Protein backbone atom coordinates (compact mmCIF):
# COMPACT_ATOMS: atom_id res chain seq x y z
CA UNK A 1 14.39 -56.76 159.15
CA UNK A 2 10.60 -56.93 159.23
CA UNK A 3 8.87 -55.44 156.26
CA UNK A 4 5.36 -55.44 154.99
CA UNK A 5 3.56 -54.54 151.84
CA UNK A 6 0.84 -55.56 149.50
CA UNK A 7 0.83 -57.51 146.25
CA UNK A 8 -1.84 -58.01 143.65
CA UNK A 9 -2.88 -61.53 142.81
CA UNK A 10 -3.77 -62.20 139.18
CA UNK A 11 -6.88 -64.11 138.12
CA UNK A 12 -4.54 -67.10 137.66
CA UNK A 13 -3.33 -66.81 141.28
CA UNK A 14 0.09 -65.38 140.45
CA UNK A 15 1.83 -62.65 142.41
CA UNK A 16 5.29 -61.09 142.47
CA UNK A 17 7.73 -61.40 145.36
CA UNK A 18 9.37 -57.99 145.99
CA UNK A 19 12.92 -57.66 144.63
CA UNK A 20 14.42 -56.88 148.06
CA UNK A 21 12.97 -60.12 149.44
CA UNK A 22 14.18 -62.14 146.44
CA UNK A 23 17.70 -60.77 146.94
CA UNK A 24 17.74 -61.49 150.69
CA UNK A 25 16.38 -65.03 150.18
CA UNK A 26 18.82 -65.77 147.32
CA UNK A 27 16.07 -66.16 144.73
CA UNK A 28 17.44 -63.79 142.07
CA UNK A 29 17.57 -66.66 139.58
CA UNK A 30 14.36 -68.26 140.88
CA UNK A 31 13.90 -70.99 143.42
CA UNK A 32 11.47 -72.63 145.80
CA UNK A 33 9.16 -70.97 148.30
CA UNK A 34 6.92 -72.95 150.59
CA UNK A 35 3.65 -71.68 151.92
CA UNK A 36 1.59 -72.49 154.99
CA UNK A 37 -2.10 -71.59 155.11
CA UNK A 38 -2.70 -70.45 158.69
CA UNK A 39 -6.42 -69.88 158.19
CA UNK A 40 -6.55 -66.10 158.17
CA UNK A 41 -3.05 -65.61 156.75
CA UNK A 42 -0.41 -67.31 154.62
CA UNK A 43 3.21 -67.73 155.68
CA UNK A 44 5.84 -67.78 152.90
CA UNK A 45 8.98 -69.80 153.64
CA UNK A 46 12.19 -69.50 151.59
CA UNK A 47 13.53 -72.88 150.50
CA UNK A 48 10.20 -74.64 150.92
CA UNK A 49 8.32 -76.27 153.76
CA UNK A 50 10.64 -79.31 153.78
CA UNK A 51 13.64 -77.11 154.48
CA UNK A 52 11.78 -75.35 157.30
CA UNK A 53 10.76 -78.69 158.82
CA UNK A 54 14.34 -80.01 158.60
CA UNK A 55 15.75 -76.88 160.28
CA UNK A 56 13.14 -76.99 163.05
CA UNK A 57 13.70 -80.69 163.75
CA UNK A 58 17.48 -80.28 163.75
CA UNK A 59 17.21 -77.75 166.59
CA UNK A 60 14.62 -79.70 168.60
CA UNK A 61 15.24 -80.60 172.23
CA UNK A 62 14.70 -84.35 171.85
CA UNK A 63 16.09 -85.18 175.32
CA UNK A 64 13.76 -82.64 176.88
CA UNK A 65 10.83 -84.06 174.91
CA UNK A 66 11.60 -87.60 176.10
CA UNK A 67 11.56 -86.48 179.71
CA UNK A 68 8.42 -84.35 179.33
CA UNK A 69 10.35 -81.07 179.69
CA UNK A 70 10.36 -81.65 183.47
CA UNK A 71 6.73 -82.83 183.67
CA UNK A 72 6.60 -86.60 184.36
CA UNK A 73 2.97 -86.83 183.22
CA UNK A 74 3.83 -85.24 179.90
CA UNK A 75 6.71 -87.69 179.46
CA UNK A 76 4.23 -90.56 179.41
CA UNK A 77 1.97 -89.06 176.75
């Protein structure tokens, strides 16, 4: 469901999130959006950066990380 578009940013730094995106992200009544500055772009994250971090860590392969994902040298780093 990739989409793209453009938005104007006001002199105060405000911009509008498209209605279709607000509906899909469950933000019809407002809510939290996180942002990550990637240098030459900005990534918007529904639910905030903390939610993204929690979801990423919950799905992490901790056993694989402990063993270096099959690389013994990496396991000791």
